[in-house]
N, C-alpha and C. Protein backbone atom coordinates (compact mmCIF):
# COMPACT_ATOMS: atom_id res chain seq x y z
N MET A 1 187.20 112.37 93.61
CA MET A 1 185.73 112.46 93.30
C MET A 1 185.72 111.31 92.01
N ALA A 2 187.03 110.85 91.44
CA ALA A 2 186.84 110.26 90.76
C ALA A 2 186.56 108.40 90.86
N LYS A 3 187.35 108.67 92.43
CA LYS A 3 186.92 107.23 93.28
C LYS A 3 185.73 107.03 93.51
N LYS A 4 184.51 108.05 93.46
CA LYS A 4 183.38 107.71 94.14
C LYS A 4 182.85 107.73 92.88
N ALA A 5 182.90 108.13 91.66
CA ALA A 5 182.78 107.32 90.49
C ALA A 5 182.70 106.28 89.89
N LYS A 6 184.06 105.92 90.47
CA LYS A 6 184.66 104.50 90.04
C LYS A 6 183.37 103.40 91.13
N LYS A 7 183.32 104.17 92.01
CA LYS A 7 182.52 102.94 93.02
C LYS A 7 181.18 103.05 92.53
N LYS A 8 180.54 103.77 92.53
CA LYS A 8 178.98 104.38 92.12
C LYS A 8 179.28 103.15 90.78
N GLU A 9 180.13 103.18 89.50
CA GLU A 9 179.95 102.35 88.26
C GLU A 9 179.76 101.08 88.54
N LYS A 10 181.03 100.79 89.28
CA LYS A 10 181.16 98.72 89.97
C LYS A 10 180.05 98.92 90.48
N LYS A 11 179.37 99.58 91.19
CA LYS A 11 178.14 99.13 91.66
C LYS A 11 177.22 99.21 90.87
N VAL A 12 176.52 99.84 90.26
CA VAL A 12 175.50 99.67 89.07
C VAL A 12 175.90 98.67 88.17
N SER A 13 176.91 98.18 88.07
CA SER A 13 177.59 97.39 87.17
C SER A 13 177.21 96.32 87.91
N GLY A 14 177.44 95.88 89.21
CA GLY A 14 176.79 94.62 90.02
C GLY A 14 175.68 94.75 89.88
N ILE A 15 174.84 95.31 90.18
CA ILE A 15 173.51 95.29 89.91
C ILE A 15 173.03 94.84 88.49
N ARG A 16 173.52 95.16 87.56
CA ARG A 16 172.98 95.05 86.50
C ARG A 16 173.18 93.20 86.26
N SER A 17 174.31 93.16 86.64
CA SER A 17 174.85 91.54 86.66
C SER A 17 173.86 90.53 86.78
N GLU A 18 173.68 91.11 88.81
CA GLU A 18 172.75 90.46 89.50
C GLU A 18 171.03 90.43 88.40
N PHE A 19 170.74 91.42 88.08
CA PHE A 19 169.82 90.98 87.74
C PHE A 19 169.18 90.53 86.08
N LYS A 20 170.65 89.99 85.67
CA LYS A 20 170.49 89.19 84.37
C LYS A 20 170.56 87.65 84.89
N LYS A 21 171.03 87.61 86.02
CA LYS A 21 170.78 86.31 86.95
C LYS A 21 169.40 85.66 87.24
N VAL A 22 168.31 86.69 87.53
CA VAL A 22 167.00 86.46 87.78
C VAL A 22 166.56 85.85 87.00
N ARG A 23 165.70 84.82 87.41
CA ARG A 23 164.92 83.86 86.66
C ARG A 23 163.32 84.46 86.72
N TRP A 24 163.09 85.59 86.00
CA TRP A 24 161.66 86.32 86.06
C TRP A 24 160.67 85.06 85.96
N PRO A 25 159.29 85.32 86.76
CA PRO A 25 158.61 83.74 86.41
C PRO A 25 157.84 84.36 85.19
N LYS A 26 157.18 83.09 84.43
CA LYS A 26 156.31 83.36 82.92
C LYS A 26 154.65 83.60 83.70
N LYS A 27 154.28 84.05 82.31
CA LYS A 27 152.75 84.71 82.67
C LYS A 27 152.06 83.32 83.35
N LYS A 28 152.12 82.27 83.28
CA LYS A 28 151.48 81.23 83.41
C LYS A 28 151.67 80.92 84.80
N GLU A 29 152.88 81.23 85.65
CA GLU A 29 153.28 80.93 86.54
C GLU A 29 152.84 82.10 87.64
N MET A 30 152.51 83.29 87.09
CA MET A 30 152.20 84.20 87.76
C MET A 30 151.23 83.99 87.79
N PHE A 31 150.22 83.84 87.10
CA PHE A 31 148.98 83.53 86.94
C PHE A 31 148.58 82.45 88.06
N LYS A 32 149.50 81.27 88.26
CA LYS A 32 149.18 80.85 89.82
C LYS A 32 149.37 80.73 90.68
N TYR A 33 150.17 81.46 90.64
CA TYR A 33 150.75 82.14 92.08
C TYR A 33 150.10 83.38 92.65
N SER A 34 149.29 84.12 91.45
CA SER A 34 148.23 84.92 92.12
C SER A 34 147.06 84.52 92.51
N VAL A 35 146.50 83.38 91.57
CA VAL A 35 145.48 82.37 92.31
C VAL A 35 145.37 82.00 93.82
N ALA A 36 146.79 81.28 93.65
CA ALA A 36 147.13 80.88 95.29
C ALA A 36 146.77 81.88 96.22
N VAL A 37 147.47 83.11 96.08
CA VAL A 37 147.63 84.40 96.94
C VAL A 37 145.85 84.64 97.50
N LEU A 38 145.56 84.76 96.46
CA LEU A 38 144.15 85.05 96.59
C LEU A 38 143.14 84.05 97.28
N VAL A 39 143.34 83.05 96.88
CA VAL A 39 142.39 81.66 97.71
C VAL A 39 142.93 81.84 99.07
N CYS A 40 144.31 81.99 99.51
CA CYS A 40 144.79 82.31 100.61
C CYS A 40 144.16 83.40 101.44
N ILE A 41 143.70 84.18 100.78
CA ILE A 41 143.45 85.61 101.38
C ILE A 41 141.80 85.13 101.99
N ILE A 42 141.29 84.67 100.96
CA ILE A 42 139.70 84.52 101.09
C ILE A 42 139.43 83.38 102.10
N VAL A 43 140.81 82.54 102.54
CA VAL A 43 140.78 80.93 103.13
C VAL A 43 140.78 81.84 104.63
N PHE A 44 141.55 82.67 104.72
CA PHE A 44 141.88 83.37 106.36
C PHE A 44 140.80 84.22 106.32
N ALA A 45 140.51 85.33 105.53
CA ALA A 45 139.38 85.88 105.68
C ALA A 45 138.02 85.31 106.20
N LEU A 46 137.82 84.20 105.44
CA LEU A 46 136.36 83.26 105.67
C LEU A 46 136.69 82.81 107.36
N PHE A 47 137.89 82.23 107.83
CA PHE A 47 138.17 82.08 109.27
C PHE A 47 138.40 83.24 110.30
N PHE A 48 138.36 84.33 109.95
CA PHE A 48 139.04 85.16 110.92
C PHE A 48 137.37 85.83 111.34
N MET A 49 136.59 85.85 109.84
CA MET A 49 135.33 86.28 110.48
C MET A 49 134.19 85.30 110.89
N LEU A 50 134.33 84.01 110.17
CA LEU A 50 134.02 82.75 111.28
C LEU A 50 134.12 82.97 112.88
N SER A 51 135.36 82.81 113.12
CA SER A 51 135.76 83.08 114.55
C SER A 51 135.66 84.75 115.48
N ASP A 52 135.20 85.65 114.72
CA ASP A 52 134.88 86.81 114.85
C ASP A 52 133.31 86.17 115.42
N VAL A 53 132.13 86.00 114.47
CA VAL A 53 130.87 85.39 114.54
C VAL A 53 130.85 84.49 115.80
N ILE A 54 131.46 83.55 116.14
CA ILE A 54 131.72 82.49 116.92
C ILE A 54 131.85 83.06 118.49
N ILE A 55 132.73 83.97 118.64
CA ILE A 55 133.03 84.68 119.63
C ILE A 55 132.37 85.73 120.20
N ALA A 56 131.41 86.48 118.83
CA ALA A 56 130.56 87.34 119.29
C ALA A 56 129.07 86.62 119.99
N ALA A 57 128.86 85.95 119.48
CA ALA A 57 128.09 84.57 119.93
C ALA A 57 127.85 84.22 121.02
N VAL A 58 129.22 83.73 121.64
CA VAL A 58 129.67 82.94 122.66
C VAL A 58 129.16 84.08 123.96
N ARG A 59 130.14 85.75 123.84
CA ARG A 59 129.89 86.91 124.64
C ARG A 59 128.65 86.90 124.96
N THR A 60 127.56 86.97 123.41
CA THR A 60 126.20 87.41 124.04
C THR A 60 125.55 86.17 124.70
N LEU A 61 125.83 85.02 124.69
CA LEU A 61 125.14 83.92 125.50
C LEU A 61 125.72 83.93 127.24
N LEU A 62 127.48 84.58 127.04
CA LEU A 62 127.50 84.36 128.51
C LEU A 62 127.11 86.00 129.45
N GLU A 63 126.76 87.12 128.14
CA GLU A 63 126.45 88.09 129.28
C GLU A 63 124.97 88.30 129.19
N GLY A 64 124.35 87.03 128.67
CA GLY A 64 123.01 86.43 128.91
C GLY A 64 121.75 87.91 128.10
């Protein structure tokens, strides 16, 4: 049982040390990243919406 506890303690200690090495983004950086993601989502949504409209129009013309 003691070995399991030591293993678990060592694992938790390793996780803590890795979290200390992480460079978390600042508020300003996080805002920039969020805006970039939203812009990409909007661009892709518009692209797929436009593609859908074009495909529907072509189908309507072909079906007569």
